[in-house]
Amino acid sequence: MGNRKRLKRVDRTYKDLKQKQKAGIADGMFQKTCDYYREHGRMPEGEDCEKIAGQIYQRVKGIAEKASFDEVYSLYLYRLPRYETRIAENGLPEKKEKKKEDADKPKVKQIGRSKKVCPDCGRKMKQQFIGLQHCKCGISWKKEIGYFERTGDMVFALERRKVGKKTKQCPVIRYR
């Protein structure tokens, strides 16, 4: 399994998704079903099932572009009786509300979390220097330039620049 080619978002179907992603989609299906049950007092049928499956399909389409509506719809219809027994046995789960304590606090940036994702292969990019990130596939990102492809004659270095009284190190690209 080590040599397995990583699929791009365009090439993925529902079956190619990770187990955690599928579990998230299943939770979304259950939440949509519960919301419908709260609003109408019954389980969705016919056209209502299609509407809910359509909403779920939009979410699936974002992470697996080759997934078909029929695949998501049949999966929803397959799970619907289980959701019905789950609601009958355990009742409707309470809606989770955001804690008011957390809402007052400003969001803190988490250290060590790179948000840059390679546009070519979809991997997270690794930071070389501040303002310069690399991917294994040969794509890099520099703050002023944006995404670019690395070549063999490029050398990445830190250059010292004086700004007022401070000396800053800035990443530069030199060519051999």
Foldseek 3Di string as FASTA:
>chain_A
DVPDAADDQAAFEPVNDDPVVVVVLVVLLLVLQLVVCVVPVDGDDDPRLLVSLVVSVVVVCVRHVPYDSVVSSVVSVVCRVVSVVVCVVPNRDDDDDDDPVVVPDDDDDDPPDQPDADPPRGHGWDDPDVQKTHDPVQWIQGNVPGIDGDDPQWDWDWDWDDDPPDIDTDIDIDGD
